[in-house]
Amino acid sequence: APTGYELDATPVTFKIEKEQEVAIFLTKENRKVADSSDIRGNNPTSSGNKHLPKTGETIISQFILSILGVLLVFISIKFRKKRNI
């Protein structure tokens, strides 16, 4: 059983008959173990910080910088061609 769950060791019995065409559907559920860390009460679990974590922010800034770099190269090539004509 996954962490925090109690394994139900009760066997599930079923019968497969010869030439059976219909599938048998079985369901087995494990119970969650009540843990002292699960009891939250009135105490907030966070430090009161309402901001989301800044994940992937460097990738976005690198993407924007890359686009700006390509635009600058394109503009400089156009400007040089126009200047030489």
PDB file of N, CA and C in Angstrom:
ATOM      1  N   ALA A   1       0.847  -1.183   0.000  1.00  0.00           N
ATOM      2  CA  ALA A   1       0.000   0.000   0.000  1.00  0.00           C
ATOM      3  C   ALA A   1       0.890   1.243   0.000  1.00  0.00           C
ATOM      4  N   PRO A   2       0.411   2.339  -0.590  1.00  0.00           N
ATOM      5  CA  PRO A   2       1.183   3.579  -0.585  1.00  0.00           C
ATOM      6  C   PRO A   2       1.388   4.096   0.832  1.00  0.00           C
ATOM      7  N   THR A   3       2.340   4.992   0.993  1.00  0.00           N
ATOM      8  CA  THR A   3       2.630   5.576   2.291  1.00  0.00           C
ATOM      9  C   THR A   3       1.393   6.294   2.818  1.00  0.00           C
ATOM     10  N   GLY A   4       1.051   6.034   4.065  1.00  0.00           N
ATOM     11  CA  GLY A   4      -0.098   6.671   4.685  1.00  0.00           C
ATOM     12  C   GLY A   4      -1.374   5.873   4.559  1.00  0.00           C
ATOM     13  N   TYR A   5      -1.298   4.710   3.932  1.00  0.00           N
ATOM     14  CA  TYR A   5      -2.480   3.858   3.777  1.00  0.00           C
ATOM     15  C   TYR A   5      -2.236   2.508   4.423  1.00  0.00           C
ATOM     16  N   GLU A   6      -3.308   1.916   4.919  1.00  0.00           N
ATOM     17  CA  GLU A   6      -3.239   0.604   5.547  1.00  0.00           C
ATOM     18  C   GLU A   6      -3.682  -0.435   4.524  1.00  0.00           C
ATOM     19  N   LEU A   7      -2.866  -1.459   4.345  1.00  0.00           N
ATOM     20  CA  LEU A   7      -3.161  -2.507   3.379  1.00  0.00           C
ATOM     21  C   LEU A   7      -4.273  -3.399   3.900  1.00  0.00           C
ATOM     22  N   ASP A   8      -5.307  -3.585   3.094  1.00  0.00           N
ATOM     23  CA  ASP A   8      -6.406  -4.487   3.431  1.00  0.00           C
ATOM     24  C   ASP A   8      -6.027  -5.861   2.898  1.00  0.00           C
ATOM     25  N   ALA A   9      -5.691  -6.768   3.799  1.00  0.00           N
ATOM     26  CA  ALA A   9      -5.209  -8.091   3.405  1.00  0.00           C
ATOM     27  C   ALA A   9      -6.330  -9.095   3.196  1.00  0.00           C
ATOM     28  N   THR A  10      -7.575  -8.654   3.261  1.00  0.00           N
ATOM     29  CA  THR A  10      -8.700  -9.559   3.044  1.00  0.00           C
ATOM     30  C   THR A  10      -8.692 -10.018   1.590  1.00  0.00           C
ATOM     31  N   PRO A  11      -8.677 -11.338   1.354  1.00  0.00           N
ATOM     32  CA  PRO A  11      -8.638 -11.806  -0.037  1.00  0.00           C
ATOM     33  C   PRO A  11      -9.964 -11.550  -0.754  1.00  0.00           C
ATOM     34  N   VAL A  12      -9.861 -11.284  -2.032  1.00  0.00           N
ATOM     35  CA  VAL A  12     -11.034 -11.087  -2.874  1.00  0.00           C
ATOM     36  C   VAL A  12     -11.190 -12.345  -3.710  1.00  0.00           C
ATOM     37  N   THR A  13     -12.313 -13.011  -3.556  1.00  0.00           N
ATOM     38  CA  THR A  13     -12.529 -14.252  -4.297  1.00  0.00           C
ATOM     39  C   THR A  13     -13.411 -13.985  -5.507  1.00  0.00           C
ATOM     40  N   PHE A  14     -13.091 -14.644  -6.593  1.00  0.00           N
ATOM     41  CA  PHE A  14     -13.900 -14.561  -7.795  1.00  0.00           C
ATOM     42  C   PHE A  14     -13.759 -15.869  -8.552  1.00  0.00           C
ATOM     43  N   LYS A  15     -14.657 -16.075  -9.480  1.00  0.00           N
ATOM     44  CA  LYS A  15     -14.697 -17.332 -10.200  1.00  0.00           C
ATOM     45  C   LYS A  15     -14.673 -17.055 -11.701  1.00  0.00           C
ATOM     46  N   ILE A  16     -13.782 -17.736 -12.400  1.00  0.00           N
ATOM     47  CA  ILE A  16     -13.718 -17.641 -13.850  1.00  0.00           C
ATOM     48  C   ILE A  16     -14.315 -18.919 -14.410  1.00  0.00           C
ATOM     49  N   GLU A  17     -15.365 -18.744 -15.179  1.00  0.00           N
ATOM     50  CA  GLU A  17     -16.047 -19.898 -15.743  1.00  0.00           C
ATOM     51  C   GLU A  17     -15.576 -20.141 -17.172  1.00  0.00           C
ATOM     52  N   LYS A  18     -15.672 -21.366 -17.605  1.00  0.00           N
ATOM     53  CA  LYS A  18     -15.259 -21.753 -18.945  1.00  0.00           C
ATOM     54  C   LYS A  18     -16.142 -21.044 -19.974  1.00  0.00           C
ATOM     55  N   GLU A  19     -15.506 -20.519 -21.017  1.00  0.00           N
ATOM     56  CA  GLU A  19     -16.157 -19.807 -22.119  1.00  0.00           C
ATOM     57  C   GLU A  19     -16.917 -18.568 -21.652  1.00  0.00           C
ATOM     58  N   GLN A  20     -16.415 -17.917 -20.644  1.00  0.00           N
ATOM     59  CA  GLN A  20     -17.031 -16.690 -20.135  1.00  0.00           C
ATOM     60  C   GLN A  20     -16.613 -15.529 -21.027  1.00  0.00           C
ATOM     61  N   GLU A  21     -17.573 -14.759 -21.523  1.00  0.00           N
ATOM     62  CA  GLU A  21     -17.285 -13.652 -22.428  1.00  0.00           C
ATOM     63  C   GLU A  21     -17.371 -12.290 -21.747  1.00  0.00           C
ATOM     64  N   VAL A  22     -18.065 -12.206 -20.639  1.00  0.00           N
ATOM     65  CA  VAL A  22     -18.243 -10.936 -19.941  1.00  0.00           C
ATOM     66  C   VAL A  22     -17.101 -10.754 -18.941  1.00  0.00           C
ATOM     67  N   ALA A  23     -16.518  -9.546 -18.949  1.00  0.00           N
ATOM     68  CA  ALA A  23     -15.419  -9.256 -18.030  1.00  0.00           C
ATOM     69  C   ALA A  23     -15.934  -9.089 -16.608  1.00  0.00           C
ATOM     70  N   ILE A  24     -15.101  -9.447 -15.657  1.00  0.00           N
ATOM     71  CA  ILE A  24     -15.422  -9.276 -14.244  1.00  0.00           C
ATOM     72  C   ILE A  24     -14.751  -7.991 -13.773  1.00  0.00           C
ATOM     73  N   PHE A  25     -15.505  -7.129 -13.117  1.00  0.00           N
ATOM     74  CA  PHE A  25     -14.956  -5.889 -12.585  1.00  0.00           C
ATOM     75  C   PHE A  25     -14.831  -6.014 -11.078  1.00  0.00           C
ATOM     76  N   LEU A  26     -13.614  -5.817 -10.582  1.00  0.00           N
ATOM     77  CA  LEU A  26     -13.355  -5.886  -9.146  1.00  0.00           C
ATOM     78  C   LEU A  26     -12.832  -4.546  -8.665  1.00  0.00           C
ATOM     79  N   THR A  27     -13.206  -4.187  -7.453  1.00  0.00           N
ATOM     80  CA  THR A  27     -12.708  -2.965  -6.841  1.00  0.00           C
ATOM     81  C   THR A  27     -12.185  -3.304  -5.459  1.00  0.00           C
ATOM     82  N   LYS A  28     -10.995  -2.799  -5.148  1.00  0.00           N
ATOM     83  CA  LYS A  28     -10.387  -3.022  -3.841  1.00  0.00           C
ATOM     84  C   LYS A  28      -9.887  -1.678  -3.337  1.00  0.00           C
ATOM     85  N   GLU A  29     -10.286  -1.301  -2.143  1.00  0.00           N
ATOM     86  CA  GLU A  29      -9.889  -0.016  -1.582  1.00  0.00           C
ATOM     87  C   GLU A  29      -9.137  -0.218  -0.279  1.00  0.00           C
ATOM     88  N   ASN A  30      -8.084   0.574  -0.103  1.00  0.00           N
ATOM     89  CA  ASN A  30      -7.328   0.585   1.145  1.00  0.00           C
ATOM     90  C   ASN A  30      -7.734   1.819   1.939  1.00  0.00           C
ATOM     91  N   ARG A  31      -7.628   1.733   3.255  1.00  0.00           N
ATOM     92  CA  ARG A  31      -8.003   2.843   4.123  1.00  0.00           C
ATOM     93  C   ARG A  31      -6.794   3.723   4.416  1.00  0.00           C
ATOM     94  N   LYS A  32      -7.058   5.033   4.483  1.00  0.00           N
ATOM     95  CA  LYS A  32      -6.008   5.972   4.845  1.00  0.00           C
ATOM     96  C   LYS A  32      -5.818   5.943   6.349  1.00  0.00           C
ATOM     97  N   VAL A  33      -4.574   5.877   6.781  1.00  0.00           N
ATOM     98  CA  VAL A  33      -4.248   5.830   8.199  1.00  0.00           C
ATOM     99  C   VAL A  33      -4.283   7.254   8.740  1.00  0.00           C
ATOM    100  N   ALA A  34      -5.008   7.468   9.842  1.00  0.00           N
ATOM    101  CA  ALA A  34      -5.040   8.780  10.483  1.00  0.00           C
ATOM    102  C   ALA A  34      -3.690   9.015  11.132  1.00  0.00           C
ATOM    103  N   ASP A  35      -3.047  10.081  10.736  1.00  0.00           N
ATOM    104  CA  ASP A  35      -1.711  10.398  11.224  1.00  0.00           C
ATOM    105  C   ASP A  35      -1.773  11.738  11.947  1.00  0.00           C
ATOM    106  N   SER A  36      -0.915  11.921  12.919  1.00  0.00           N
ATOM    107  CA  SER A  36      -0.920  13.179  13.663  1.00  0.00           C
ATOM    108  C   SER A  36      -0.534  14.346  12.766  1.00  0.00           C
ATOM    109  N   SER A  37       0.209  14.091  11.690  1.00  0.00           N
ATOM    110  CA  SER A  37       0.570  15.169  10.775  1.00  0.00           C
ATOM    111  C   SER A  37      -0.596  15.542   9.872  1.00  0.00           C
ATOM    112  N   ASP A  38      -1.622  14.656   9.753  1.00  0.00           N
ATOM    113  CA  ASP A  38      -2.788  14.959   8.937  1.00  0.00           C
ATOM    114  C   ASP A  38      -3.759  15.893   9.640  1.00  0.00           C
ATOM    115  N   ILE A  39      -3.697  15.954  10.956  1.00  0.00           N
ATOM    116  CA  ILE A  39      -4.611  16.795  11.716  1.00  0.00           C
ATOM    117  C   ILE A  39      -4.097  18.225  11.645  1.00  0.00           C
ATOM    118  N   ARG A  40      -4.870  19.098  10.988  1.00  0.00           N
ATOM    119  CA  ARG A  40      -4.387  20.449  10.745  1.00  0.00           C
ATOM    120  C   ARG A  40      -4.914  21.448  11.761  1.00  0.00           C
ATOM    121  N   GLY A  41      -6.133  21.310  12.193  1.00  0.00           N
ATOM    122  CA  GLY A  41      -6.689  22.240  13.174  1.00  0.00           C
ATOM    123  C   GLY A  41      -6.779  23.645  12.632  1.00  0.00           C
ATOM    124  N   ASN A  42      -6.564  24.633  13.501  1.00  0.00           N
ATOM    125  CA  ASN A  42      -6.656  26.032  13.101  1.00  0.00           C
ATOM    126  C   ASN A  42      -5.310  26.630  12.730  1.00  0.00           C
ATOM    127  N   ASN A  43      -4.234  25.884  12.848  1.00  0.00           N
ATOM    128  CA  ASN A  43      -2.911  26.407  12.547  1.00  0.00           C
ATOM    129  C   ASN A  43      -2.663  26.369  11.042  1.00  0.00           C
ATOM    130  N   PRO A  44      -2.322  27.501  10.432  1.00  0.00           N
ATOM    131  CA  PRO A  44      -2.027  27.482   8.996  1.00  0.00           C
ATOM    132  C   PRO A  44      -0.719  26.735   8.733  1.00  0.00           C
ATOM    133  N   THR A  45      -0.675  26.013   7.639  1.00  0.00           N
ATOM    134  CA  THR A  45       0.531  25.253   7.319  1.00  0.00           C
ATOM    135  C   THR A  45       1.550  26.096   6.572  1.00  0.00           C
ATOM    136  N   SER A  46       1.130  27.201   5.975  1.00  0.00           N
ATOM    137  CA  SER A  46       2.072  28.040   5.243  1.00  0.00           C
ATOM    138  C   SER A  46       2.526  29.193   6.124  1.00  0.00           C
ATOM    139  N   SER A  47       3.540  29.875   5.667  1.00  0.00           N
ATOM    140  CA  SER A  47       4.088  30.986   6.437  1.00  0.00           C
ATOM    141  C   SER A  47       3.345  32.285   6.164  1.00  0.00           C
ATOM    142  N   GLY A  48       2.243  32.223   5.432  1.00  0.00           N
ATOM    143  CA  GLY A  48       1.490  33.429   5.125  1.00  0.00           C
ATOM    144  C   GLY A  48       1.903  34.059   3.817  1.00  0.00           C
ATOM    145  N   ASN A  49       2.859  33.472   3.120  1.00  0.00           N
ATOM    146  CA  ASN A  49       3.304  33.995   1.840  1.00  0.00           C
ATOM    147  C   ASN A  49       2.260  33.654   0.784  1.00  0.00           C
ATOM    148  N   LYS A  50       1.661  34.667   0.173  1.00  0.00           N
ATOM    149  CA  LYS A  50       0.581  34.455  -0.788  1.00  0.00           C
ATOM    150  C   LYS A  50       1.083  34.339  -2.227  1.00  0.00           C
ATOM    151  N   HIS A  51       2.391  34.420  -2.453  1.00  0.00           N
ATOM    152  CA  HIS A  51       2.930  34.371  -3.806  1.00  0.00           C
ATOM    153  C   HIS A  51       3.230  32.935  -4.211  1.00  0.00           C
ATOM    154  N   LEU A  52       3.029  32.655  -5.485  1.00  0.00           N
ATOM    155  CA  LEU A  52       3.353  31.340  -6.013  1.00  0.00           C
ATOM    156  C   LEU A  52       4.861  31.210  -6.189  1.00  0.00           C
ATOM    157  N   PRO A  53       5.386  29.998  -6.168  1.00  0.00           N
ATOM    158  CA  PRO A  53       6.818  29.825  -6.401  1.00  0.00           C
ATOM    159  C   PRO A  53       7.181  30.247  -7.818  1.00  0.00           C
ATOM    160  N   LYS A  54       8.361  30.784  -7.980  1.00  0.00           N
ATOM    161  CA  LYS A  54       8.796  31.298  -9.280  1.00  0.00           C
ATOM    162  C   LYS A  54       9.511  30.201 -10.062  1.00  0.00           C
ATOM    163  N   THR A  55       8.749  29.258 -10.547  1.00  0.00           N
ATOM    164  CA  THR A  55       9.326  28.166 -11.321  1.00  0.00           C
ATOM    165  C   THR A  55       9.282  28.513 -12.789  1.00  0.00           C
ATOM    166  N   GLY A  56      10.355  28.231 -13.491  1.00  0.00           N
ATOM    167  CA  GLY A  56      10.401  28.451 -14.929  1.00  0.00           C
ATOM    168  C   GLY A  56      10.583  29.896 -15.331  1.00  0.00           C
ATOM    169  N   GLU A  57      10.842  30.776 -14.391  1.00  0.00           N
ATOM    170  CA  GLU A  57      10.960  32.185 -14.726  1.00  0.00           C
ATOM    171  C   GLU A  57      12.221  32.466 -15.538  1.00  0.00           C
ATOM    172  N   THR A  58      13.295  31.729 -15.291  1.00  0.00           N
ATOM    173  CA  THR A  58      14.520  31.953 -16.057  1.00  0.00           C
ATOM    174  C   THR A  58      14.338  31.517 -17.500  1.00  0.00           C
ATOM    175  N   ILE A  59      13.543  30.495 -17.741  1.00  0.00           N
ATOM    176  CA  ILE A  59      13.300  30.039 -19.104  1.00  0.00           C
ATOM    177  C   ILE A  59      12.535  31.104 -19.876  1.00  0.00           C
ATOM    178  N   ILE A  60      11.555  31.719 -19.242  1.00  0.00           N
ATOM    179  CA  ILE A  60      10.777  32.760 -19.908  1.00  0.00           C
ATOM    180  C   ILE A  60      11.664  33.955 -20.223  1.00  0.00           C
ATOM    181  N   SER A  61      12.502  34.373 -19.285  1.00  0.00           N
ATOM    182  CA  SER A  61      13.369  35.519 -19.538  1.00  0.00           C
ATOM    183  C   SER A  61      14.393  35.199 -20.615  1.00  0.00           C
ATOM    184  N   GLN A  62      14.900  33.983 -20.666  1.00  0.00           N
ATOM    185  CA  GLN A  62      15.826  33.595 -21.728  1.00  0.00           C
ATOM    186  C   GLN A  62      15.126  33.590 -23.075  1.00  0.00           C
ATOM    187  N   PHE A  63      13.885  33.165 -23.107  1.00  0.00           N
ATOM    188  CA  PHE A  63      13.112  33.156 -24.348  1.00  0.00           C
ATOM    189  C   PHE A  63      12.904  34.575 -24.856  1.00  0.00           C
ATOM    190  N   ILE A  64      12.550  35.485 -23.967  1.00  0.00           N
ATOM    191  CA  ILE A  64      12.338  36.884 -24.354  1.00  0.00           C
ATOM    192  C   ILE A  64      13.642  37.500 -24.840  1.00  0.00           C
ATOM    193  N   LEU A  65      14.735  37.238 -24.144  1.00  0.00           N
ATOM    194  CA  LEU A  65      16.030  37.765 -24.577  1.00  0.00           C
ATOM    195  C   LEU A  65      16.435  37.202 -25.930  1.00  0.00           C
ATOM    196  N   SER A  66      16.146  35.950 -26.184  1.00  0.00           N
ATOM    197  CA  SER A  66      16.465  35.344 -27.478  1.00  0.00           C
ATOM    198  C   SER A  66      15.676  36.009 -28.598  1.00  0.00           C
ATOM    199  N   ILE A  67      14.400  36.251 -28.367  1.00  0.00           N
ATOM    200  CA  ILE A  67      13.574  36.915 -29.386  1.00  0.00           C
ATOM    201  C   ILE A  67      14.080  38.330 -29.638  1.00  0.00           C
ATOM    202  N   LEU A  68      14.428  39.049 -28.584  1.00  0.00           N
ATOM    203  CA  LEU A  68      14.969  40.401 -28.747  1.00  0.00           C
ATOM    204  C   LEU A  68      16.281  40.381 -29.518  1.00  0.00           C
ATOM    205  N   GLY A  69      17.127  39.398 -29.253  1.00  0.00           N
ATOM    206  CA  GLY A  69      18.387  39.277 -29.979  1.00  0.00           C
ATOM    207  C   GLY A  69      18.169  39.022 -31.456  1.00  0.00           C
ATOM    208  N   VAL A  70      17.241  38.139 -31.786  1.00  0.00           N
ATOM    209  CA  VAL A  70      16.939  37.858 -33.193  1.00  0.00           C
ATOM    210  C   VAL A  70      16.380  39.105 -33.870  1.00  0.00           C
ATOM    211  N   LEU A  71      15.515  39.834 -33.184  1.00  0.00           N
ATOM    212  CA  LEU A  71      14.968  41.067 -33.750  1.00  0.00           C
ATOM    213  C   LEU A  71      16.058  42.107 -33.986  1.00  0.00           C
ATOM    214  N   LEU A  72      16.987  42.243 -33.056  1.00  0.00           N
ATOM    215  CA  LEU A  72      18.084  43.198 -33.230  1.00  0.00           C
ATOM    216  C   LEU A  72      18.958  42.830 -34.420  1.00  0.00           C
ATOM    217  N   VAL A  73      19.247  41.551 -34.584  1.00  0.00           N
ATOM    218  CA  VAL A  73      20.049  41.108 -35.730  1.00  0.00           C
ATOM    219  C   VAL A  73      19.297  41.401 -37.025  1.00  0.00           C
ATOM    220  N   PHE A  74      18.018  41.095 -37.077  1.00  0.00           N
ATOM    221  CA  PHE A  74      17.207  41.334 -38.269  1.00  0.00           C
ATOM    222  C   PHE A  74      17.160  42.824 -38.610  1.00  0.00           C
ATOM    223  N   ILE A  75      16.948  43.670 -37.604  1.00  0.00           N
ATOM    224  CA  ILE A  75      16.887  45.117 -37.827  1.00  0.00           C
ATOM    225  C   ILE A  75      18.232  45.649 -38.292  1.00  0.00           C
ATOM    226  N   SER A  76      19.325  45.169 -37.710  1.00  0.00           N
ATOM    227  CA  SER A  76      20.649  45.654 -38.121  1.00  0.00           C
ATOM    228  C   SER A  76      20.972  45.231 -39.551  1.00  0.00           C
ATOM    229  N   ILE A  77      20.565  44.041 -39.967  1.00  0.00           N
ATOM    230  CA  ILE A  77      20.795  43.600 -41.349  1.00  0.00           C
ATOM    231  C   ILE A  77      19.985  44.468 -42.310  1.00  0.00           C
ATOM    232  N   LYS A  78      18.730  44.725 -41.990  1.00  0.00           N
ATOM    233  CA  LYS A  78      17.895  45.582 -42.839  1.00  0.00           C
ATOM    234  C   LYS A  78      18.466  46.994 -42.920  1.00  0.00           C
ATOM    235  N   PHE A  79      18.925  47.519 -41.797  1.00  0.00           N
ATOM    236  CA  PHE A  79      19.483  48.871 -41.771  1.00  0.00           C
ATOM    237  C   PHE A  79      20.747  48.955 -42.615  1.00  0.00           C
ATOM    238  N   ARG A  80      21.621  47.947 -42.545  1.00  0.00           N
ATOM    239  CA  ARG A  80      22.862  47.940 -43.329  1.00  0.00           C
ATOM    240  C   ARG A  80      22.572  47.818 -44.818  1.00  0.00           C
ATOM    241  N   LYS A  81      21.607  46.983 -45.190  1.00  0.00           N
ATOM    242  CA  LYS A  81      21.256  46.847 -46.604  1.00  0.00           C
ATOM    243  C   LYS A  81      20.688  48.157 -47.136  1.00  0.00           C
ATOM    244  N   LYS A  82      19.864  48.810 -46.359  1.00  0.00           N
ATOM    245  CA  LYS A  82      19.267  50.075 -46.770  1.00  0.00           C
ATOM    246  C   LYS A  82      20.338  51.159 -46.867  1.00  0.00           C
ATOM    247  N   ARG A  83      21.318  51.112 -46.009  1.00  0.00           N
ATOM    248  CA  ARG A  83      22.390  52.109 -45.969  1.00  0.00           C
ATOM    249  C   ARG A  83      23.331  51.955 -47.161  1.00  0.00           C
ATOM    250  N   ASN A  84      23.567  50.702 -47.600  1.00  0.00           N
ATOM    251  CA  ASN A  84      24.479  50.433 -48.709  1.00  0.00           C
ATOM    252  C   ASN A  84      23.850  50.745 -50.059  1.00  0.00           C
ATOM    253  N   ILE A  85      22.575  50.826 -50.154  1.00  0.00           N
ATOM    254  CA  ILE A  85      21.915  51.073 -51.447  1.00  0.00           C
ATOM    255  C   ILE A  85      21.934  52.503 -51.805  1.00  0.00           C
TER     256      ILE A  85
END
